[in-house]
Amino acid sequence: MSSFDRPGDVFLADCPARLAVEILSDKWSVVVVYALGNGPRRHGELKALIGGISAKMLTQTLRGLQHHGLVRREAFAEVPPRVEYTLTDLGRSALEPVDALCRWAEQNGNAVLAAQDGGALG
C-alpha cells in the first residue's frame, strides 16, 4: 500500500493530509472554492463577488488551487479571449467541509467579534 492509499494523519508534519489542511485553511482559498461551488466563473466575476480581494491575490489563489488540483482553468479560443475557472472533482469533494465552515462563519461572525471586544457569549 503506497502512502497515497492510506488515510492521512493531520498530526504528522510530513503527512499529505497536513498539506490539504494548509491549502484549505487559507482564507482566500476557502472563499474561492465556496464561490466556485455553483459552477464556472470568470476572473472578473470572482473579483466582483469576493469583497476585499485584489486582482493579484485572486490570481495567486486561483493558480495555487489549480496547482493543487482543486481548480481547472479553461481558456476559450474566442475574440476577446475568455477564461473560466471551475472546480475539479477534487475541488468539489472539498465543498461539503467548506460549505459547513462558511455557514458556521456566517452564523457566528458576530459572536466572534463580540468575544474579541470582551463581550459575553451565550
PDB file of N, CA and C in Angstrom:
ATOM      1  N   MET A   1       0.860  -1.180   0.000  1.00  0.00           N
ATOM      2  CA  MET A   1       0.000   0.000   0.000  1.00  0.00           C
ATOM      3  C   MET A   1       0.904   1.240   0.000  1.00  0.00           C
ATOM      4  N   SER A   2       0.694   2.130  -0.960  1.00  0.00           N
ATOM      5  CA  SER A   2       1.511   3.342  -1.013  1.00  0.00           C
ATOM      6  C   SER A   2       1.002   4.356  -0.002  1.00  0.00           C
ATOM      7  N   SER A   3       1.815   5.394   0.240  1.00  0.00           N
ATOM      8  CA  SER A   3       1.415   6.431   1.198  1.00  0.00           C
ATOM      9  C   SER A   3       0.176   7.181   0.726  1.00  0.00           C
ATOM     10  N   PHE A   4      -0.123   7.134  -0.582  1.00  0.00           N
ATOM     11  CA  PHE A   4      -1.301   7.824  -1.107  1.00  0.00           C
ATOM     12  C   PHE A   4      -2.577   7.021  -0.904  1.00  0.00           C
ATOM     13  N   ASP A   5      -2.440   5.723  -0.572  1.00  0.00           N
ATOM     14  CA  ASP A   5      -3.603   4.866  -0.386  1.00  0.00           C
ATOM     15  C   ASP A   5      -4.079   4.823   1.060  1.00  0.00           C
ATOM     16  N   ARG A   6      -3.207   5.236   1.992  1.00  0.00           N
ATOM     17  CA  ARG A   6      -3.558   5.176   3.405  1.00  0.00           C
ATOM     18  C   ARG A   6      -4.263   6.456   3.836  1.00  0.00           C
ATOM     19  N   PRO A   7      -5.117   6.351   4.853  1.00  0.00           N
ATOM     20  CA  PRO A   7      -5.712   7.576   5.402  1.00  0.00           C
ATOM     21  C   PRO A   7      -4.620   8.468   5.977  1.00  0.00           C
ATOM     22  N   GLY A   8      -4.855   9.754   5.938  1.00  0.00           N
ATOM     23  CA  GLY A   8      -3.869  10.698   6.438  1.00  0.00           C
ATOM     24  C   GLY A   8      -3.965  10.899   7.937  1.00  0.00           C
ATOM     25  N   ASP A   9      -2.971  11.567   8.467  1.00  0.00           N
ATOM     26  CA  ASP A   9      -2.924  11.923   9.877  1.00  0.00           C
ATOM     27  C   ASP A   9      -2.447  13.368   9.965  1.00  0.00           C
ATOM     28  N   VAL A  10      -3.365  14.287  10.215  1.00  0.00           N
ATOM     29  CA  VAL A  10      -3.030  15.713  10.217  1.00  0.00           C
ATOM     30  C   VAL A  10      -2.065  16.092  11.335  1.00  0.00           C
ATOM     31  N   PHE A  11      -1.843  15.200  12.283  1.00  0.00           N
ATOM     32  CA  PHE A  11      -0.912  15.499  13.364  1.00  0.00           C
ATOM     33  C   PHE A  11       0.541  15.236  12.973  1.00  0.00           C
ATOM     34  N   LEU A  12       0.758  14.565  11.843  1.00  0.00           N
ATOM     35  CA  LEU A  12       2.111  14.289  11.382  1.00  0.00           C
ATOM     36  C   LEU A  12       2.564  15.404  10.446  1.00  0.00           C
ATOM     37  N   ALA A  13       3.717  15.986  10.735  1.00  0.00           N
ATOM     38  CA  ALA A  13       4.198  17.146   9.984  1.00  0.00           C
ATOM     39  C   ALA A  13       4.393  16.865   8.502  1.00  0.00           C
ATOM     40  N   ASP A  14       4.819  15.659   8.147  1.00  0.00           N
ATOM     41  CA  ASP A  14       5.117  15.357   6.751  1.00  0.00           C
ATOM     42  C   ASP A  14       3.998  14.586   6.041  1.00  0.00           C
ATOM     43  N   CYS A  15       2.818  14.584   6.612  1.00  0.00           N
ATOM     44  CA  CYS A  15       1.696  13.847   6.027  1.00  0.00           C
ATOM     45  C   CYS A  15       0.985  14.714   4.976  1.00  0.00           C
ATOM     46  N   PRO A  16       0.611  14.124   3.835  1.00  0.00           N
ATOM     47  CA  PRO A  16      -0.133  14.877   2.826  1.00  0.00           C
ATOM     48  C   PRO A  16      -1.443  15.466   3.360  1.00  0.00           C
ATOM     49  N   ALA A  17      -2.002  14.866   4.384  1.00  0.00           N
ATOM     50  CA  ALA A  17      -3.226  15.416   4.976  1.00  0.00           C
ATOM     51  C   ALA A  17      -2.971  16.813   5.536  1.00  0.00           C
ATOM     52  N   ARG A  18      -1.790  17.042   6.065  1.00  0.00           N
ATOM     53  CA  ARG A  18      -1.436  18.356   6.600  1.00  0.00           C
ATOM     54  C   ARG A  18      -1.411  19.386   5.476  1.00  0.00           C
ATOM     55  N   LEU A  19      -0.895  19.006   4.316  1.00  0.00           N
ATOM     56  CA  LEU A  19      -0.881  19.904   3.160  1.00  0.00           C
ATOM     57  C   LEU A  19      -2.310  20.267   2.763  1.00  0.00           C
ATOM     58  N   ALA A  20      -3.189  19.278   2.763  1.00  0.00           N
ATOM     59  CA  ALA A  20      -4.587  19.540   2.408  1.00  0.00           C
ATOM     60  C   ALA A  20      -5.217  20.528   3.380  1.00  0.00           C
ATOM     61  N   VAL A  21      -4.940  20.382   4.668  1.00  0.00           N
ATOM     62  CA  VAL A  21      -5.455  21.324   5.663  1.00  0.00           C
ATOM     63  C   VAL A  21      -4.882  22.716   5.419  1.00  0.00           C
ATOM     64  N   GLU A  22      -3.592  22.795   5.139  1.00  0.00           N
ATOM     65  CA  GLU A  22      -2.956  24.091   4.893  1.00  0.00           C
ATOM     66  C   GLU A  22      -3.564  24.790   3.687  1.00  0.00           C
ATOM     67  N   ILE A  23      -3.840  24.048   2.640  1.00  0.00           N
ATOM     68  CA  ILE A  23      -4.428  24.632   1.431  1.00  0.00           C
ATOM     69  C   ILE A  23      -5.793  25.231   1.750  1.00  0.00           C
ATOM     70  N   LEU A  24      -6.621  24.486   2.457  1.00  0.00           N
ATOM     71  CA  LEU A  24      -7.982  24.954   2.728  1.00  0.00           C
ATOM     72  C   LEU A  24      -8.081  25.852   3.949  1.00  0.00           C
ATOM     73  N   SER A  25      -6.993  26.035   4.683  1.00  0.00           N
ATOM     74  CA  SER A  25      -7.065  26.937   5.830  1.00  0.00           C
ATOM     75  C   SER A  25      -6.767  28.380   5.431  1.00  0.00           C
ATOM     76  N   ASP A  26      -6.332  28.591   4.219  1.00  0.00           N
ATOM     77  CA  ASP A  26      -6.115  29.940   3.709  1.00  0.00           C
ATOM     78  C   ASP A  26      -7.465  30.599   3.453  1.00  0.00           C
ATOM     79  N   LYS A  27      -7.672  31.811   3.988  1.00  0.00           N
ATOM     80  CA  LYS A  27      -8.993  32.442   3.896  1.00  0.00           C
ATOM     81  C   LYS A  27      -9.441  32.638   2.458  1.00  0.00           C
ATOM     82  N   TRP A  28      -8.518  33.010   1.569  1.00  0.00           N
ATOM     83  CA  TRP A  28      -8.941  33.247   0.188  1.00  0.00           C
ATOM     84  C   TRP A  28      -9.256  31.939  -0.522  1.00  0.00           C
ATOM     85  N   SER A  29      -8.512  30.876  -0.238  1.00  0.00           N
ATOM     86  CA  SER A  29      -8.794  29.585  -0.871  1.00  0.00           C
ATOM     87  C   SER A  29     -10.192  29.098  -0.526  1.00  0.00           C
ATOM     88  N   VAL A  30     -10.550  29.205   0.738  1.00  0.00           N
ATOM     89  CA  VAL A  30     -11.888  28.773   1.167  1.00  0.00           C
ATOM     90  C   VAL A  30     -12.969  29.573   0.445  1.00  0.00           C
ATOM     91  N   VAL A  31     -12.786  30.881   0.382  1.00  0.00           N
ATOM     92  CA  VAL A  31     -13.797  31.738  -0.234  1.00  0.00           C
ATOM     93  C   VAL A  31     -13.891  31.473  -1.738  1.00  0.00           C
ATOM     94  N   VAL A  32     -12.759  31.252  -2.396  1.00  0.00           N
ATOM     95  CA  VAL A  32     -12.779  30.967  -3.838  1.00  0.00           C
ATOM     96  C   VAL A  32     -13.442  29.621  -4.108  1.00  0.00           C
ATOM     97  N   VAL A  33     -13.101  28.607  -3.346  1.00  0.00           N
ATOM     98  CA  VAL A  33     -13.752  27.299  -3.520  1.00  0.00           C
ATOM     99  C   VAL A  33     -15.253  27.440  -3.299  1.00  0.00           C
ATOM    100  N   TYR A  34     -15.640  28.163  -2.274  1.00  0.00           N
ATOM    101  CA  TYR A  34     -17.059  28.399  -1.973  1.00  0.00           C
ATOM    102  C   TYR A  34     -17.736  29.121  -3.146  1.00  0.00           C
ATOM    103  N   ALA A  35     -17.069  30.116  -3.707  1.00  0.00           N
ATOM    104  CA  ALA A  35     -17.630  30.881  -4.821  1.00  0.00           C
ATOM    105  C   ALA A  35     -17.778  30.033  -6.082  1.00  0.00           C
ATOM    106  N   LEU A  36     -16.879  29.083  -6.271  1.00  0.00           N
ATOM    107  CA  LEU A  36     -16.947  28.224  -7.456  1.00  0.00           C
ATOM    108  C   LEU A  36     -17.900  27.037  -7.264  1.00  0.00           C
ATOM    109  N   GLY A  37     -18.477  26.923  -6.088  1.00  0.00           N
ATOM    110  CA  GLY A  37     -19.371  25.804  -5.791  1.00  0.00           C
ATOM    111  C   GLY A  37     -20.626  25.774  -6.644  1.00  0.00           C
ATOM    112  N   ASN A  38     -21.018  26.913  -7.184  1.00  0.00           N
ATOM    113  CA  ASN A  38     -22.224  26.968  -8.025  1.00  0.00           C
ATOM    114  C   ASN A  38     -21.914  26.930  -9.506  1.00  0.00           C
ATOM    115  N   GLY A  39     -20.687  26.618  -9.868  1.00  0.00           N
ATOM    116  CA  GLY A  39     -20.343  26.486 -11.273  1.00  0.00           C
ATOM    117  C   GLY A  39     -19.232  27.409 -11.704  1.00  0.00           C
ATOM    118  N   PRO A  40     -18.866  27.318 -12.986  1.00  0.00           N
ATOM    119  CA  PRO A  40     -17.731  28.083 -13.519  1.00  0.00           C
ATOM    120  C   PRO A  40     -17.937  29.588 -13.391  1.00  0.00           C
ATOM    121  N   ARG A  41     -16.831  30.282 -13.186  1.00  0.00           N
ATOM    122  CA  ARG A  41     -16.858  31.749 -13.117  1.00  0.00           C
ATOM    123  C   ARG A  41     -15.603  32.294 -13.773  1.00  0.00           C
ATOM    124  N   ARG A  42     -15.735  33.490 -14.306  1.00  0.00           N
ATOM    125  CA  ARG A  42     -14.597  34.201 -14.866  1.00  0.00           C
ATOM    126  C   ARG A  42     -13.901  34.975 -13.751  1.00  0.00           C
ATOM    127  N   HIS A  43     -12.662  35.367 -14.018  1.00  0.00           N
ATOM    128  CA  HIS A  43     -11.860  36.096 -13.024  1.00  0.00           C
ATOM    129  C   HIS A  43     -12.599  37.342 -12.540  1.00  0.00           C
ATOM    130  N   GLY A  44     -13.137  38.110 -13.477  1.00  0.00           N
ATOM    131  CA  GLY A  44     -13.851  39.338 -13.117  1.00  0.00           C
ATOM    132  C   GLY A  44     -15.078  39.082 -12.274  1.00  0.00           C
ATOM    133  N   GLU A  45     -15.782  37.985 -12.546  1.00  0.00           N
ATOM    134  CA  GLU A  45     -16.952  37.628 -11.739  1.00  0.00           C
ATOM    135  C   GLU A  45     -16.535  37.305 -10.311  1.00  0.00           C
ATOM    136  N   LEU A  46     -15.455  36.546 -10.181  1.00  0.00           N
ATOM    137  CA  LEU A  46     -14.966  36.202  -8.848  1.00  0.00           C
ATOM    138  C   LEU A  46     -14.519  37.454  -8.097  1.00  0.00           C
ATOM    139  N   LYS A  47     -13.808  38.327  -8.784  1.00  0.00           N
ATOM    140  CA  LYS A  47     -13.326  39.572  -8.170  1.00  0.00           C
ATOM    141  C   LYS A  47     -14.493  40.410  -7.670  1.00  0.00           C
ATOM    142  N   ALA A  48     -15.570  40.503  -8.473  1.00  0.00           N
ATOM    143  CA  ALA A  48     -16.746  41.287  -8.078  1.00  0.00           C
ATOM    144  C   ALA A  48     -17.497  40.625  -6.916  1.00  0.00           C
ATOM    145  N   LEU A  49     -17.507  39.301  -6.895  1.00  0.00           N
ATOM    146  CA  LEU A  49     -18.239  38.562  -5.874  1.00  0.00           C
ATOM    147  C   LEU A  49     -17.526  38.592  -4.521  1.00  0.00           C
ATOM    148  N   ILE A  50     -16.200  38.499  -4.546  1.00  0.00           N
ATOM    149  CA  ILE A  50     -15.415  38.347  -3.319  1.00  0.00           C
ATOM    150  C   ILE A  50     -14.908  39.711  -2.874  1.00  0.00           C
ATOM    151  N   GLY A  51     -15.566  40.291  -1.920  1.00  0.00           N
ATOM    152  CA  GLY A  51     -15.171  41.603  -1.414  1.00  0.00           C
ATOM    153  C   GLY A  51     -13.808  41.568  -0.748  1.00  0.00           C
ATOM    154  N   GLY A  52     -12.993  42.593  -1.018  1.00  0.00           N
ATOM    155  CA  GLY A  52     -11.726  42.753  -0.336  1.00  0.00           C
ATOM    156  C   GLY A  52     -10.545  42.034  -0.951  1.00  0.00           C
ATOM    157  N   ILE A  53     -10.753  41.238  -1.983  1.00  0.00           N
ATOM    158  CA  ILE A  53      -9.631  40.532  -2.604  1.00  0.00           C
ATOM    159  C   ILE A  53      -9.115  41.357  -3.778  1.00  0.00           C
ATOM    160  N   SER A  54      -7.811  41.502  -3.865  1.00  0.00           N
ATOM    161  CA  SER A  54      -7.226  42.222  -5.001  1.00  0.00           C
ATOM    162  C   SER A  54      -7.147  41.275  -6.192  1.00  0.00           C
ATOM    163  N   ALA A  55      -7.031  41.848  -7.374  1.00  0.00           N
ATOM    164  CA  ALA A  55      -6.899  41.030  -8.584  1.00  0.00           C
ATOM    165  C   ALA A  55      -5.652  40.144  -8.494  1.00  0.00           C
ATOM    166  N   LYS A  56      -4.565  40.707  -7.959  1.00  0.00           N
ATOM    167  CA  LYS A  56      -3.316  39.951  -7.820  1.00  0.00           C
ATOM    168  C   LYS A  56      -3.490  38.765  -6.867  1.00  0.00           C
ATOM    169  N   MET A  57      -4.120  38.995  -5.725  1.00  0.00           N
ATOM    170  CA  MET A  57      -4.325  37.911  -4.753  1.00  0.00           C
ATOM    171  C   MET A  57      -5.271  36.851  -5.315  1.00  0.00           C
ATOM    172  N   LEU A  58      -6.302  37.278  -6.044  1.00  0.00           N
ATOM    173  CA  LEU A  58      -7.217  36.314  -6.659  1.00  0.00           C
ATOM    174  C   LEU A  58      -6.463  35.450  -7.664  1.00  0.00           C
ATOM    175  N   THR A  59      -5.634  36.070  -8.475  1.00  0.00           N
ATOM    176  CA  THR A  59      -4.844  35.314  -9.451  1.00  0.00           C
ATOM    177  C   THR A  59      -3.922  34.324  -8.745  1.00  0.00           C
ATOM    178  N   GLN A  60      -3.234  34.768  -7.691  1.00  0.00           N
ATOM    179  CA  GLN A  60      -2.345  33.877  -6.936  1.00  0.00           C
ATOM    180  C   GLN A  60      -3.124  32.713  -6.322  1.00  0.00           C
ATOM    181  N   THR A  61      -4.284  33.019  -5.775  1.00  0.00           N
ATOM    182  CA  THR A  61      -5.099  31.979  -5.141  1.00  0.00           C
ATOM    183  C   THR A  61      -5.576  30.969  -6.172  1.00  0.00           C
ATOM    184  N   LEU A  62      -6.058  31.449  -7.312  1.00  0.00           N
ATOM    185  CA  LEU A  62      -6.514  30.546  -8.369  1.00  0.00           C
ATOM    186  C   LEU A  62      -5.372  29.676  -8.881  1.00  0.00           C
ATOM    187  N   ARG A  63      -4.201  30.269  -9.053  1.00  0.00           N
ATOM    188  CA  ARG A  63      -3.036  29.487  -9.507  1.00  0.00           C
ATOM    189  C   ARG A  63      -2.660  28.421  -8.487  1.00  0.00           C
ATOM    190  N   GLY A  64      -2.700  28.781  -7.212  1.00  0.00           N
ATOM    191  CA  GLY A  64      -2.387  27.808  -6.164  1.00  0.00           C
ATOM    192  C   GLY A  64      -3.394  26.668  -6.133  1.00  0.00           C
ATOM    193  N   LEU A  65      -4.671  27.004  -6.225  1.00  0.00           N
ATOM    194  CA  LEU A  65      -5.709  25.968  -6.222  1.00  0.00           C
ATOM    195  C   LEU A  65      -5.611  25.095  -7.466  1.00  0.00           C
ATOM    196  N   GLN A  66      -5.224  25.696  -8.578  1.00  0.00           N
ATOM    197  CA  GLN A  66      -5.016  24.935  -9.806  1.00  0.00           C
ATOM    198  C   GLN A  66      -3.816  23.996  -9.639  1.00  0.00           C
ATOM    199  N   HIS A  67      -2.737  24.502  -9.084  1.00  0.00           N
ATOM    200  CA  HIS A  67      -1.525  23.706  -8.849  1.00  0.00           C
ATOM    201  C   HIS A  67      -1.828  22.491  -7.961  1.00  0.00           C
ATOM    202  N   HIS A  68      -2.689  22.681  -6.974  1.00  0.00           N
ATOM    203  CA  HIS A  68      -3.019  21.600  -6.038  1.00  0.00           C
ATOM    204  C   HIS A  68      -4.167  20.724  -6.528  1.00  0.00           C
ATOM    205  N   GLY A  69      -4.682  20.992  -7.719  1.00  0.00           N
ATOM    206  CA  GLY A  69      -5.671  20.115  -8.327  1.00  0.00           C
ATOM    207  C   GLY A  69      -7.106  20.381  -7.939  1.00  0.00           C
ATOM    208  N   LEU A  70      -7.402  21.509  -7.307  1.00  0.00           N
ATOM    209  CA  LEU A  70      -8.772  21.801  -6.892  1.00  0.00           C
ATOM    210  C   LEU A  70      -9.546  22.624  -7.913  1.00  0.00           C
ATOM    211  N   VAL A  71      -8.828  23.364  -8.755  1.00  0.00           N
ATOM    212  CA  VAL A  71      -9.463  24.252  -9.732  1.00  0.00           C
ATOM    213  C   VAL A  71      -8.890  23.965 -11.115  1.00  0.00           C
ATOM    214  N   ARG A  72      -9.765  24.060 -12.111  1.00  0.00           N
ATOM    215  CA  ARG A  72      -9.357  23.916 -13.509  1.00  0.00           C
ATOM    216  C   ARG A  72      -9.548  25.264 -14.192  1.00  0.00           C
ATOM    217  N   ARG A  73      -8.556  25.669 -14.947  1.00  0.00           N
ATOM    218  CA  ARG A  73      -8.613  26.894 -15.745  1.00  0.00           C
ATOM    219  C   ARG A  73      -8.837  26.490 -17.186  1.00  0.00           C
ATOM    220  N   GLU A  74      -9.858  27.059 -17.805  1.00  0.00           N
ATOM    221  CA  GLU A  74     -10.142  26.743 -19.200  1.00  0.00           C
ATOM    222  C   GLU A  74     -10.159  28.030 -20.012  1.00  0.00           C
ATOM    223  N   ALA A  75      -9.276  28.085 -21.002  1.00  0.00           N
ATOM    224  CA  ALA A  75      -9.195  29.243 -21.892  1.00  0.00           C
ATOM    225  C   ALA A  75      -9.922  28.896 -23.182  1.00  0.00           C
ATOM    226  N   PHE A  76     -10.790  29.785 -23.619  1.00  0.00           N
ATOM    227  CA  PHE A  76     -11.557  29.588 -24.838  1.00  0.00           C
ATOM    228  C   PHE A  76     -10.947  30.426 -25.959  1.00  0.00           C
ATOM    229  N   ALA A  77     -10.801  29.816 -27.117  1.00  0.00           N
ATOM    230  CA  ALA A  77     -10.218  30.499 -28.275  1.00  0.00           C
ATOM    231  C   ALA A  77     -11.272  31.379 -28.926  1.00  0.00           C
ATOM    232  N   GLU A  78     -11.519  32.516 -28.311  1.00  0.00           N
ATOM    233  CA  GLU A  78     -12.522  33.455 -28.793  1.00  0.00           C
ATOM    234  C   GLU A  78     -11.889  34.838 -28.857  1.00  0.00           C
ATOM    235  N   VAL A  79     -12.573  35.740 -29.525  1.00  0.00           N
ATOM    236  CA  VAL A  79     -12.158  37.147 -29.542  1.00  0.00           C
ATOM    237  C   VAL A  79     -13.301  37.954 -28.965  1.00  0.00           C
ATOM    238  N   PRO A  80     -13.118  38.627 -27.818  1.00  0.00           N
ATOM    239  CA  PRO A  80     -11.906  38.612 -26.996  1.00  0.00           C
ATOM    240  C   PRO A  80     -11.759  37.278 -26.260  1.00  0.00           C
ATOM    241  N   PRO A  81     -10.540  36.974 -25.809  1.00  0.00           N
ATOM    242  CA  PRO A  81     -10.311  35.708 -25.101  1.00  0.00           C
ATOM    243  C   PRO A  81     -11.162  35.616 -23.844  1.00  0.00           C
ATOM    244  N   ARG A  82     -11.562  34.398 -23.534  1.00  0.00           N
ATOM    245  CA  ARG A  82     -12.381  34.159 -22.336  1.00  0.00           C
ATOM    246  C   ARG A  82     -11.744  33.027 -21.553  1.00  0.00           C
ATOM    247  N   VAL A  83     -11.646  33.212 -20.243  1.00  0.00           N
ATOM    248  CA  VAL A  83     -11.099  32.192 -19.345  1.00  0.00           C
ATOM    249  C   VAL A  83     -12.115  31.953 -18.243  1.00  0.00           C
ATOM    250  N   GLU A  84     -12.373  30.683 -17.963  1.00  0.00           N
ATOM    251  CA  GLU A  84     -13.265  30.322 -16.864  1.00  0.00           C
ATOM    252  C   GLU A  84     -12.534  29.406 -15.898  1.00  0.00           C
ATOM    253  N   TYR A  85     -12.938  29.520 -14.643  1.00  0.00           N
ATOM    254  CA  TYR A  85     -12.407  28.656 -13.586  1.00  0.00           C
ATOM    255  C   TYR A  85     -13.548  27.809 -13.051  1.00  0.00           C
ATOM    256  N   THR A  86     -13.256  26.553 -12.827  1.00  0.00           N
ATOM    257  CA  THR A  86     -14.251  25.631 -12.294  1.00  0.00           C
ATOM    258  C   THR A  86     -13.567  24.673 -11.325  1.00  0.00           C
ATOM    259  N   LEU A  87     -14.341  24.104 -10.425  1.00  0.00           N
ATOM    260  CA  LEU A  87     -13.795  23.118  -9.504  1.00  0.00           C
ATOM    261  C   LEU A  87     -13.581  21.791 -10.218  1.00  0.00           C
ATOM    262  N   THR A  88     -12.502  21.127  -9.897  1.00  0.00           N
ATOM    263  CA  THR A  88     -12.267  19.764 -10.357  1.00  0.00           C
ATOM    264  C   THR A  88     -13.073  18.820  -9.451  1.00  0.00           C
ATOM    265  N   ASP A  89     -13.004  17.536  -9.727  1.00  0.00           N
ATOM    266  CA  ASP A  89     -13.650  16.566  -8.838  1.00  0.00           C
ATOM    267  C   ASP A  89     -13.080  16.685  -7.427  1.00  0.00           C
ATOM    268  N   LEU A  90     -11.765  16.868  -7.333  1.00  0.00           N
ATOM    269  CA  LEU A  90     -11.130  17.025  -6.016  1.00  0.00           C
ATOM    270  C   LEU A  90     -11.641  18.292  -5.334  1.00  0.00           C
ATOM    271  N   GLY A  91     -11.750  19.375  -6.081  1.00  0.00           N
ATOM    272  CA  GLY A  91     -12.274  20.621  -5.531  1.00  0.00           C
ATOM    273  C   GLY A  91     -13.718  20.482  -5.070  1.00  0.00           C
ATOM    274  N   ARG A  92     -14.525  19.777  -5.862  1.00  0.00           N
ATOM    275  CA  ARG A  92     -15.929  19.559  -5.468  1.00  0.00           C
ATOM    276  C   ARG A  92     -16.014  18.698  -4.208  1.00  0.00           C
ATOM    277  N   SER A  93     -15.033  17.808  -4.028  1.00  0.00           N
ATOM    278  CA  SER A  93     -15.051  16.973  -2.817  1.00  0.00           C
ATOM    279  C   SER A  93     -14.788  17.808  -1.568  1.00  0.00           C
ATOM    280  N   ALA A  94     -14.205  18.993  -1.733  1.00  0.00           N
ATOM    281  CA  ALA A  94     -13.951  19.887  -0.595  1.00  0.00           C
ATOM    282  C   ALA A  94     -15.153  20.760  -0.267  1.00  0.00           C
ATOM    283  N   LEU A  95     -16.175  20.754  -1.115  1.00  0.00           N
ATOM    284  CA  LEU A  95     -17.306  21.661  -0.905  1.00  0.00           C
ATOM    285  C   LEU A  95     -18.072  21.398   0.386  1.00  0.00           C
ATOM    286  N   GLU A  96     -18.251  20.156   0.768  1.00  0.00           N
ATOM    287  CA  GLU A  96     -19.015  19.869   1.993  1.00  0.00           C
ATOM    288  C   GLU A  96     -18.369  20.508   3.226  1.00  0.00           C
ATOM    289  N   PRO A  97     -17.068  20.273   3.475  1.00  0.00           N
ATOM    290  CA  PRO A  97     -16.481  20.949   4.639  1.00  0.00           C
ATOM    291  C   PRO A  97     -16.376  22.466   4.461  1.00  0.00           C
ATOM    292  N   VAL A  98     -16.107  22.934   3.261  1.00  0.00           N
ATOM    293  CA  VAL A  98     -16.025  24.378   3.020  1.00  0.00           C
ATOM    294  C   VAL A  98     -17.395  25.020   3.237  1.00  0.00           C
ATOM    295  N   ASP A  99     -18.446  24.381   2.728  1.00  0.00           N
ATOM    296  CA  ASP A  99     -19.818  24.867   2.956  1.00  0.00           C
ATOM    297  C   ASP A  99     -20.114  24.957   4.450  1.00  0.00           C
ATOM    298  N   ALA A 100     -19.768  23.894   5.180  1.00  0.00           N
ATOM    299  CA  ALA A 100     -20.030  23.875   6.623  1.00  0.00           C
ATOM    300  C   ALA A 100     -19.271  24.997   7.327  1.00  0.00           C
ATOM    301  N   LEU A 101     -18.012  25.200   6.972  1.00  0.00           N
ATOM    302  CA  LEU A 101     -17.212  26.257   7.582  1.00  0.00           C
ATOM    303  C   LEU A 101     -17.802  27.635   7.271  1.00  0.00           C
ATOM    304  N   CYS A 102     -18.198  27.865   6.017  1.00  0.00           N
ATOM    305  CA  CYS A 102     -18.754  29.167   5.636  1.00  0.00           C
ATOM    306  C   CYS A 102     -20.104  29.421   6.313  1.00  0.00           C
ATOM    307  N   ARG A 103     -20.931  28.395   6.420  1.00  0.00           N
ATOM    308  CA  ARG A 103     -22.218  28.560   7.133  1.00  0.00           C
ATOM    309  C   ARG A 103     -21.975  28.888   8.604  1.00  0.00           C
ATOM    310  N   TRP A 104     -21.014  28.174   9.218  1.00  0.00           N
ATOM    311  CA  TRP A 104     -20.679  28.440  10.617  1.00  0.00           C
ATOM    312  C   TRP A 104     -20.198  29.883  10.764  1.00  0.00           C
ATOM    313  N   ALA A 105     -19.326  30.319   9.858  1.00  0.00           N
ATOM    314  CA  ALA A 105     -18.777  31.679   9.919  1.00  0.00           C
ATOM    315  C   ALA A 105     -19.887  32.726   9.772  1.00  0.00           C
ATOM    316  N   GLU A 106     -20.817  32.497   8.855  1.00  0.00           N
ATOM    317  CA  GLU A 106     -21.919  33.441   8.652  1.00  0.00           C
ATOM    318  C   GLU A 106     -22.823  33.505   9.887  1.00  0.00           C
ATOM    319  N   GLN A 107     -23.025  32.370  10.552  1.00  0.00           N
ATOM    320  CA  GLN A 107     -23.886  32.316  11.728  1.00  0.00           C
ATOM    321  C   GLN A 107     -23.196  32.838  12.985  1.00  0.00           C
ATOM    322  N   ASN A 108     -21.873  32.767  13.038  1.00  0.00           N
ATOM    323  CA  ASN A 108     -21.160  33.077  14.282  1.00  0.00           C
ATOM    324  C   ASN A 108     -20.190  34.246  14.197  1.00  0.00           C
ATOM    325  N   GLY A 109     -20.131  34.912  13.069  1.00  0.00           N
ATOM    326  CA  GLY A 109     -19.210  36.031  12.922  1.00  0.00           C
ATOM    327  C   GLY A 109     -19.423  37.115  13.953  1.00  0.00           C
ATOM    328  N   ASN A 110     -20.668  37.450  14.239  1.00  0.00           N
ATOM    329  CA  ASN A 110     -20.950  38.487  15.241  1.00  0.00           C
ATOM    330  C   ASN A 110     -20.525  38.045  16.639  1.00  0.00           C
ATOM    331  N   ALA A 111     -20.707  36.768  16.954  1.00  0.00           N
ATOM    332  CA  ALA A 111     -20.289  36.263  18.264  1.00  0.00           C
ATOM    333  C   ALA A 111     -18.764  36.316  18.401  1.00  0.00           C
ATOM    334  N   VAL A 112     -18.048  36.047  17.321  1.00  0.00           N
ATOM    335  CA  VAL A 112     -16.587  36.129  17.350  1.00  0.00           C
ATOM    336  C   VAL A 112     -16.160  37.576  17.598  1.00  0.00           C
ATOM    337  N   LEU A 113     -16.801  38.523  16.913  1.00  0.00           N
ATOM    338  CA  LEU A 113     -16.482  39.940  17.143  1.00  0.00           C
ATOM    339  C   LEU A 113     -16.791  40.354  18.573  1.00  0.00           C
ATOM    340  N   ALA A 114     -17.921  39.894  19.095  1.00  0.00           N
ATOM    341  CA  ALA A 114     -18.284  40.216  20.472  1.00  0.00           C
ATOM    342  C   ALA A 114     -17.260  39.663  21.452  1.00  0.00           C
ATOM    343  N   ALA A 115     -16.777  38.465  21.204  1.00  0.00           N
ATOM    344  CA  ALA A 115     -15.769  37.851  22.078  1.00  0.00           C
ATOM    345  C   ALA A 115     -14.465  38.648  22.028  1.00  0.00           C
ATOM    346  N   GLN A 116     -14.109  39.134  20.862  1.00  0.00           N
ATOM    347  CA  GLN A 116     -12.889  39.942  20.733  1.00  0.00           C
ATOM    348  C   GLN A 116     -13.001  41.242  21.522  1.00  0.00           C
ATOM    349  N   ASP A 117     -14.217  41.756  21.588  1.00  0.00           N
ATOM    350  CA  ASP A 117     -14.458  43.009  22.304  1.00  0.00           C
ATOM    351  C   ASP A 117     -14.695  42.772  23.792  1.00  0.00           C
ATOM    352  N   GLY A 118     -14.568  41.533  24.247  1.00  0.00           N
ATOM    353  CA  GLY A 118     -14.745  41.212  25.657  1.00  0.00           C
ATOM    354  C   GLY A 118     -16.198  41.004  26.042  1.00  0.00           C
ATOM    355  N   GLY A 119     -17.080  40.892  25.051  1.00  0.00           N
ATOM    356  CA  GLY A 119     -18.499  40.675  25.324  1.00  0.00           C
ATOM    357  C   GLY A 119     -18.771  39.255  25.765  1.00  0.00           C
ATOM    358  N   ALA A 120     -19.903  39.069  26.367  1.00  0.00           N
ATOM    359  CA  ALA A 120     -20.294  37.728  26.840  1.00  0.00           C
ATOM    360  C   ALA A 120     -20.902  36.947  25.692  1.00  0.00           C
ATOM    361  N   LEU A 121     -20.606  35.670  25.662  1.00  0.00           N
ATOM    362  CA  LEU A 121     -21.189  34.771  24.680  1.00  0.00           C
ATOM    363  C   LEU A 121     -22.291  33.976  25.349  1.00  0.00           C
ATOM    364  N   GLY A 122     -23.329  33.712  24.562  1.00  0.00           N
ATOM    365  CA  GLY A 122     -24.454  32.960  25.116  1.00  0.00           C
ATOM    366  C   GLY A 122     -24.396  31.527  24.876  1.00  0.00           C
TER     367      GLY A 122
END
